[in-house]
Structure formats: C-alpha cells, structure tokens
Amino acid sequence: MFKTKTVIKAISMASIILFTFSSCGDKDQPGGGGFNLFTLEDDISFGAQVSEEIESDPMNYPILDSAQNTAAYGHIYRIRDSVLQSGNVVHVDDFVWQVRIVENDSVLNAFCTPGGYIYVYTGLIKFLDAENELAGVMAHEIAHADERHSTEALTKAYGIDVLFSVLLGDQSVISQVAQGLLNLRYSRQNESESDRRSVEYLYPTAYDARGAAKFFEKLLSAGSSNPPEFLSTHPDPSNRVEDINELWESLGGKVGETYPTRYQEFINSLP
C-alpha cells in the first residue's frame, strides 16, 4: 500500500493537475513534454503491488518456478547482471530488478513494471538467436523503468481518476493496470530513448551492443506485420536499426560478443 504522505501529496495536487495535464505536449511529437504524477517512491511501491497482482494470476501469467528451473534463471539473471553492472543504469540501487520467465511460447514479448520487475516470455527467448539479442531487448525494457517511462505512459493511458485510485490502493484498479502493462504503448520519444539507452547500457559490457537492432532485423526478415507492443512500430523498425547502428558507431564501433552457443544452452534449459 502507498504511504499516507503519498495520498496527501496526490490530494494536494488536485487543484493543479487538470491544468498541468491538459497543457502537456504530446510526446509522440518531436519536442513534446510528458506528465508523470508518480514520484520515484511511487514507482517502487506501485511496481511491487503490480508484481504481486501479476504473480497471483497464473492463468494470464504462467510464471516458471525459479526453484525448479534453476538453469534457465541462472542464464537470464546473468544477462540482467551484465546490464545492471554496466555503470549506466541510473536507478540500479533503487529498484529491485527482479526477473521472471513467463511460459508462453506463442507470445513474443517482454515488459518491465515501474520499480524494475522484469517479465520475459519464452516465446521471445526462443525467437532470438544469440544472447546479446536478448540482452538488448532486456536493456530496452530496463531503460523504460530506469527512465520512468512506465508511470509516465500509465499517466497518459489511464488518466487522473484511475491514477488517484491506484495511489489510494484500489486493488481492482491495480489489477486492471497490471493487465494493461502487457500492451502498454510508449511514445515515439520513449521508444527512441530506450533504444539509445539499450546501446549505452551494453556498450561497456562484453556484449555486442547492437542486440536490439539484431532483433529488429530478424523481425523484419521474418516479414512480421505485427511487432510486439514493447517495441512498437513508431519509429519504423528499419529506422530504429539505423539509429542504433549509428549510435554504436559514434561510441567507437566496438564489436562485442554474441554468445550463440551459450544462448542455445539457455533455450535448451526451458520447458
């Protein structure tokens, strides 16, 4: 539950929220602004509540038991640790950065809640070919939480009334928002920033930092007309490949490791 001071803060802001929200720029437009009702403390508390809701719903989120799948979780936590230890994650010590694998081979997706609860679907893991590709996607998702895009997007998607209910601890609303996180749409600016941060997170590591671009390339070569929401089609995937590669080159163009054999071992450890 949110602390009393958070509720007092929300109520005290009521007189200025509508003006602030209505005067925000559209972050889908270049130079647009964004409005985020949440504080960092709220991100942490809200993320914990949403994570609890997700993990209590095995019908929609069939999470692999970490005790029974130690090898798989060892692989995915190694990848997470490489990203977090890059020195570029701002809230590395503030958020929990917990990872859960969702067993659904038909879903090509991953998402990260506010506060750093990361969910990766087996469908995505098995779609990729090398470890740096999953590292790139996970780094992209970590960036959404680290840059606090998630609560910003939730503010935009659900509006003031719903967010007040969340701040007041309404469990039915928390359940609604938890379901919405799977298909949460970020702004073009948010997506571009997370692409950039993905490269910046991975560049100091042993990984080849173009992992997210490799995912886009595979998606394009597969002819997918329906890419997952977590890497939405604005900007166009081909443009995002170009932007990622340009940033990688500007950082020095270091060719890192992809670890395809080790990644296949990860895939083989899954059900």
Protein backbone atom coordinates (compact mmCIF):
# COMPACT_ATOMS: atom_id res chain seq x y z
CA MET A 1 0.00 0.00 0.00
CA PHE A 2 1.09 3.58 -0.62
CA LYS A 3 2.15 5.61 2.38
CA THR A 4 -0.17 8.26 3.80
CA LYS A 5 2.10 11.07 2.70
CA THR A 6 1.71 9.88 -0.91
CA VAL A 7 -2.07 10.17 -0.66
CA ILE A 8 -1.78 13.63 0.92
CA LYS A 9 0.54 14.65 -1.87
CA ALA A 10 -1.91 13.42 -4.51
CA ILE A 11 -4.84 15.25 -2.92
CA SER A 12 -2.89 18.46 -2.51
CA MET A 13 -2.02 18.38 -6.20
CA ALA A 14 -5.66 18.10 -7.30
CA SER A 15 -6.09 21.83 -7.85
CA ILE A 16 -3.25 21.98 -10.39
CA ILE A 17 -3.36 18.55 -12.06
CA LEU A 18 -6.02 19.22 -14.67
CA PHE A 19 -4.24 22.33 -15.89
CA THR A 20 -0.88 20.60 -15.98
CA PHE A 21 -2.21 17.51 -17.74
CA SER A 22 -4.15 19.44 -20.36
CA SER A 23 -1.22 21.71 -21.13
CA CYS A 24 1.30 18.88 -21.64
CA GLY A 25 2.81 18.43 -25.06
CA ASP A 26 2.24 15.17 -26.92
CA LYS A 27 5.35 13.05 -26.54
CA ASP A 28 4.56 11.41 -29.88
CA GLN A 29 5.54 14.72 -31.44
CA PRO A 30 9.15 15.92 -31.54
CA GLY A 31 9.90 18.12 -28.57
CA GLY A 32 6.69 17.16 -26.79
CA GLY A 33 6.54 17.06 -22.99
CA GLY A 34 5.20 14.38 -20.71
CA PHE A 35 3.35 14.40 -17.40
CA ASN A 36 4.11 11.90 -14.66
CA LEU A 37 2.02 12.01 -11.48
CA PHE A 38 4.29 9.48 -9.75
CA THR A 39 7.39 10.06 -7.65
CA LEU A 40 10.30 7.63 -7.53
CA GLU A 41 8.89 6.26 -4.26
CA ASP A 42 5.56 5.72 -6.01
CA ASP A 43 7.26 3.80 -8.84
CA ILE A 44 8.76 1.42 -6.29
CA SER A 45 5.53 0.92 -4.30
CA PHE A 46 3.31 0.69 -7.36
CA GLY A 47 5.65 -1.77 -9.07
CA ALA A 48 5.58 -4.05 -6.03
CA GLN A 49 1.77 -4.05 -5.99
CA VAL A 50 1.52 -4.73 -9.72
CA SER A 51 4.10 -7.53 -9.47
CA GLU A 52 2.08 -9.15 -6.69
CA GLU A 53 -1.04 -8.94 -8.86
CA ILE A 54 0.76 -10.49 -11.84
CA GLU A 55 2.22 -13.38 -9.86
CA SER A 56 -1.14 -14.18 -8.30
CA ASP A 57 -2.65 -14.64 -11.78
CA PRO A 58 -1.14 -17.84 -13.25
CA MET A 59 -3.90 -18.10 -15.85
CA ASN A 60 -2.67 -14.97 -17.63
CA TYR A 61 0.93 -15.09 -16.41
CA PRO A 62 2.16 -18.72 -16.13
CA ILE A 63 5.50 -17.96 -14.50
CA LEU A 64 8.20 -20.61 -14.44
CA ASP A 65 9.11 -21.64 -10.90
CA SER A 66 12.66 -20.43 -10.25
CA ALA A 67 13.40 -23.30 -7.83
CA GLN A 68 12.50 -25.90 -10.46
CA ASN A 69 14.20 -24.09 -13.35
CA THR A 70 17.49 -23.03 -11.81
CA ALA A 71 19.48 -23.35 -15.04
CA ALA A 72 17.12 -21.10 -17.01
CA TYR A 73 17.02 -18.49 -14.28
CA GLY A 74 20.80 -18.65 -13.96
CA HIS A 75 21.08 -17.68 -17.63
CA ILE A 76 18.58 -14.83 -17.50
CA TYR A 77 19.98 -13.38 -14.28
CA ARG A 78 23.48 -13.45 -15.79
CA ILE A 79 22.17 -11.35 -18.66
CA ARG A 80 20.40 -8.98 -16.28
CA ASP A 81 23.51 -8.60 -14.14
CA SER A 82 25.61 -7.68 -17.16
CA VAL A 83 23.24 -4.83 -17.98
CA LEU A 84 22.97 -3.57 -14.40
CA GLN A 85 26.73 -3.72 -13.83
CA SER A 86 27.47 -1.57 -16.88
CA GLY A 87 27.60 1.55 -14.69
CA ASN A 88 24.98 3.36 -16.76
CA VAL A 89 21.71 2.32 -15.08
CA VAL A 90 20.63 5.34 -13.05
CA HIS A 91 18.36 3.55 -10.57
CA VAL A 92 20.45 0.39 -10.26
CA ASP A 93 20.36 0.62 -6.45
CA ASP A 94 16.80 1.96 -6.15
CA PHE A 95 14.77 -0.69 -7.97
CA VAL A 96 14.52 -4.44 -7.35
CA TRP A 97 15.31 -5.61 -10.92
CA GLN A 98 13.63 -8.96 -10.34
CA VAL A 99 13.26 -11.20 -13.41
CA ARG A 100 10.52 -13.73 -14.08
CA ILE A 101 10.15 -16.01 -17.12
CA VAL A 102 6.59 -16.37 -18.39
CA GLU A 103 5.96 -19.74 -20.03
CA ASN A 104 4.08 -18.94 -23.20
CA ASP A 105 5.77 -19.80 -26.49
CA SER A 106 3.10 -18.02 -28.52
CA VAL A 107 3.81 -14.59 -27.04
CA LEU A 108 6.72 -12.59 -28.43
CA ASN A 109 7.01 -10.08 -25.63
CA ALA A 110 8.74 -8.71 -22.55
CA PHE A 111 7.90 -5.85 -20.22
CA CYS A 112 9.16 -4.18 -17.09
CA THR A 113 6.91 -2.67 -14.43
CA PRO A 114 7.71 0.52 -12.54
CA GLY A 115 10.28 -0.29 -9.89
CA GLY A 116 12.09 -2.86 -12.03
CA TYR A 117 10.06 -6.10 -12.12
CA ILE A 118 11.03 -7.67 -15.45
CA TYR A 119 8.91 -10.28 -17.26
CA VAL A 120 10.23 -12.15 -20.32
CA TYR A 121 8.15 -14.62 -22.32
CA THR A 122 9.56 -17.94 -23.51
CA GLY A 123 8.22 -17.10 -26.97
CA LEU A 124 10.62 -14.18 -27.18
CA ILE A 125 13.57 -16.13 -25.78
CA LYS A 126 13.09 -18.92 -28.32
CA PHE A 127 12.63 -16.46 -31.19
CA LEU A 128 16.09 -14.94 -30.72
CA ASP A 129 19.40 -16.45 -31.88
CA ALA A 130 22.07 -15.07 -29.57
CA GLU A 131 22.49 -13.86 -26.01
CA ASN A 132 23.32 -10.27 -26.92
CA GLU A 133 19.95 -10.02 -28.70
CA LEU A 134 18.04 -10.84 -25.53
CA ALA A 135 20.41 -8.58 -23.60
CA GLY A 136 19.50 -5.76 -25.99
CA VAL A 137 15.76 -6.34 -25.53
CA MET A 138 16.08 -6.62 -21.74
CA ALA A 139 18.21 -3.47 -21.67
CA HIS A 140 15.48 -1.70 -23.65
CA GLU A 141 12.89 -2.77 -21.07
CA ILE A 142 15.15 -1.85 -18.16
CA ALA A 143 15.51 1.59 -19.73
CA HIS A 144 11.73 2.11 -19.70
CA ALA A 145 11.74 1.59 -15.93
CA ASP A 146 15.04 3.41 -15.34
CA GLU A 147 13.86 6.48 -17.29
CA ARG A 148 10.44 6.15 -15.59
CA HIS A 149 8.61 5.87 -18.90
CA SER A 150 6.24 3.27 -17.44
CA THR A 151 4.49 5.52 -14.95
CA GLU A 152 4.57 8.38 -17.45
CA ALA A 153 2.81 6.19 -20.02
CA LEU A 154 0.34 4.92 -17.40
CA THR A 155 -0.49 8.52 -16.52
CA LYS A 156 -1.26 9.19 -20.16
CA ALA A 157 -3.11 5.91 -20.77
CA TYR A 158 -5.34 5.77 -17.70
CA GLY A 159 -5.87 9.37 -16.72
CA ILE A 160 -6.08 11.22 -13.44
CA ASP A 161 -9.13 9.47 -11.94
CA VAL A 162 -7.65 5.99 -12.34
CA LEU A 163 -4.29 7.08 -11.01
CA PHE A 164 -5.87 8.57 -7.91
CA SER A 165 -7.49 5.16 -7.33
CA VAL A 166 -4.10 3.48 -7.72
CA LEU A 167 -2.48 5.92 -5.30
CA LEU A 168 -5.24 5.13 -2.81
CA GLY A 169 -4.58 1.39 -3.14
CA ASP A 170 -7.70 0.26 -5.06
CA GLN A 171 -6.89 -3.42 -5.80
CA SER A 172 -9.38 -3.71 -8.67
CA VAL A 173 -7.71 -0.81 -10.43
CA ILE A 174 -4.26 -2.25 -9.76
CA SER A 175 -5.44 -5.47 -11.42
CA GLN A 176 -6.65 -3.51 -14.45
CA VAL A 177 -3.35 -1.68 -14.79
CA ALA A 178 -1.37 -4.92 -14.37
CA GLN A 179 -3.21 -6.38 -17.37
CA GLY A 180 -2.63 -3.19 -19.32
CA LEU A 181 1.14 -3.32 -18.84
CA LEU A 182 1.40 -6.19 -21.34
CA ASN A 183 0.27 -3.91 -24.18
CA LEU A 184 1.30 -0.52 -22.82
CA ARG A 185 2.10 1.84 -25.66
CA TYR A 186 5.05 4.15 -25.18
CA SER A 187 5.56 7.37 -27.07
CA ARG A 188 7.90 7.59 -30.02
CA GLN A 189 10.29 9.62 -27.88
CA ASN A 190 10.18 6.98 -25.11
CA GLU A 191 10.93 4.16 -27.56
CA SER A 192 13.81 6.05 -29.16
CA GLU A 193 15.28 6.87 -25.77
CA SER A 194 15.07 3.24 -24.65
CA ASP A 195 16.75 2.12 -27.88
CA ARG A 196 19.56 4.59 -27.19
CA ARG A 197 19.89 3.57 -23.55
CA SER A 198 20.00 -0.10 -24.57
CA VAL A 199 23.14 0.60 -26.60
CA GLU A 200 24.64 2.73 -23.84
CA TYR A 201 23.95 0.07 -21.21
CA LEU A 202 25.51 -2.74 -23.27
CA TYR A 203 28.50 -0.93 -24.78
CA PRO A 204 30.72 -1.17 -21.65
CA THR A 205 29.91 -4.89 -21.30
CA ALA A 206 31.33 -7.86 -23.19
CA TYR A 207 28.19 -7.97 -25.34
CA ASP A 208 27.89 -6.59 -28.82
CA ALA A 209 25.73 -3.53 -28.07
CA ARG A 210 23.64 -3.85 -31.24
CA GLY A 211 21.46 -6.58 -29.73
CA ALA A 212 18.16 -4.70 -30.07
CA ALA A 213 18.95 -3.89 -33.70
CA LYS A 214 19.53 -7.58 -34.41
CA PHE A 215 16.08 -8.29 -33.00
CA PHE A 216 14.55 -5.71 -35.34
CA GLU A 217 16.45 -7.16 -38.29
CA LYS A 218 15.14 -10.64 -37.54
CA LEU A 219 11.63 -9.28 -37.12
CA LEU A 220 11.85 -7.55 -40.50
CA SER A 221 13.37 -10.58 -42.25
CA ALA A 222 10.56 -12.73 -40.86
CA GLY A 223 8.11 -10.37 -42.51
CA SER A 224 6.20 -9.70 -39.31
CA SER A 225 3.41 -7.17 -39.84
CA ASN A 226 2.51 -7.19 -36.15
CA PRO A 227 5.58 -6.49 -33.99
CA PRO A 228 5.05 -6.68 -30.22
CA GLU A 229 3.88 -3.57 -28.41
CA PHE A 230 7.01 -3.42 -26.27
CA LEU A 231 8.95 -2.47 -29.41
CA SER A 232 6.22 -0.62 -31.22
CA THR A 233 6.25 0.44 -34.84
CA HIS A 234 6.90 4.10 -34.16
CA PRO A 235 9.59 4.81 -35.22
CA ASP A 236 9.66 2.26 -38.03
CA PRO A 237 11.81 -0.80 -37.13
CA SER A 238 14.14 -0.26 -40.09
CA ASN A 239 14.80 3.31 -38.94
CA ARG A 240 15.47 2.06 -35.44
CA VAL A 241 18.08 -0.38 -36.74
CA GLU A 242 19.80 2.53 -38.49
CA ASP A 243 19.65 4.75 -35.40
CA ILE A 244 21.03 2.01 -33.13
CA ASN A 245 23.89 1.29 -35.52
CA GLU A 246 24.73 4.98 -35.83
CA LEU A 247 24.91 5.36 -32.06
CA TRP A 248 27.05 2.23 -31.77
CA GLU A 249 29.45 3.65 -34.36
CA SER A 250 29.57 7.02 -32.57
CA LEU A 251 30.64 5.23 -29.36
CA GLY A 252 33.55 3.64 -31.19
CA GLY A 253 32.04 0.69 -33.04
CA LYS A 254 33.38 -1.96 -30.65
CA VAL A 255 32.43 -5.45 -31.85
CA GLY A 256 31.42 -7.41 -28.79
CA GLU A 257 30.40 -10.98 -28.07
CA THR A 258 27.09 -12.55 -29.10
CA TYR A 259 27.38 -15.92 -27.28
CA PRO A 260 25.15 -18.01 -29.60
CA THR A 261 26.26 -21.36 -28.13
CA ARG A 262 25.63 -20.28 -24.55
CA TYR A 263 22.29 -18.87 -25.62
CA GLN A 264 21.27 -22.18 -27.15
CA GLU A 265 22.04 -23.78 -23.79
CA PHE A 266 19.62 -21.28 -22.25
CA ILE A 267 16.90 -22.20 -24.75
CA ASN A 268 17.51 -25.89 -24.12
CA SER A 269 17.03 -25.36 -20.38
CA LEU A 270 13.46 -24.12 -20.93
CA PRO A 271 10.42 -26.43 -20.86
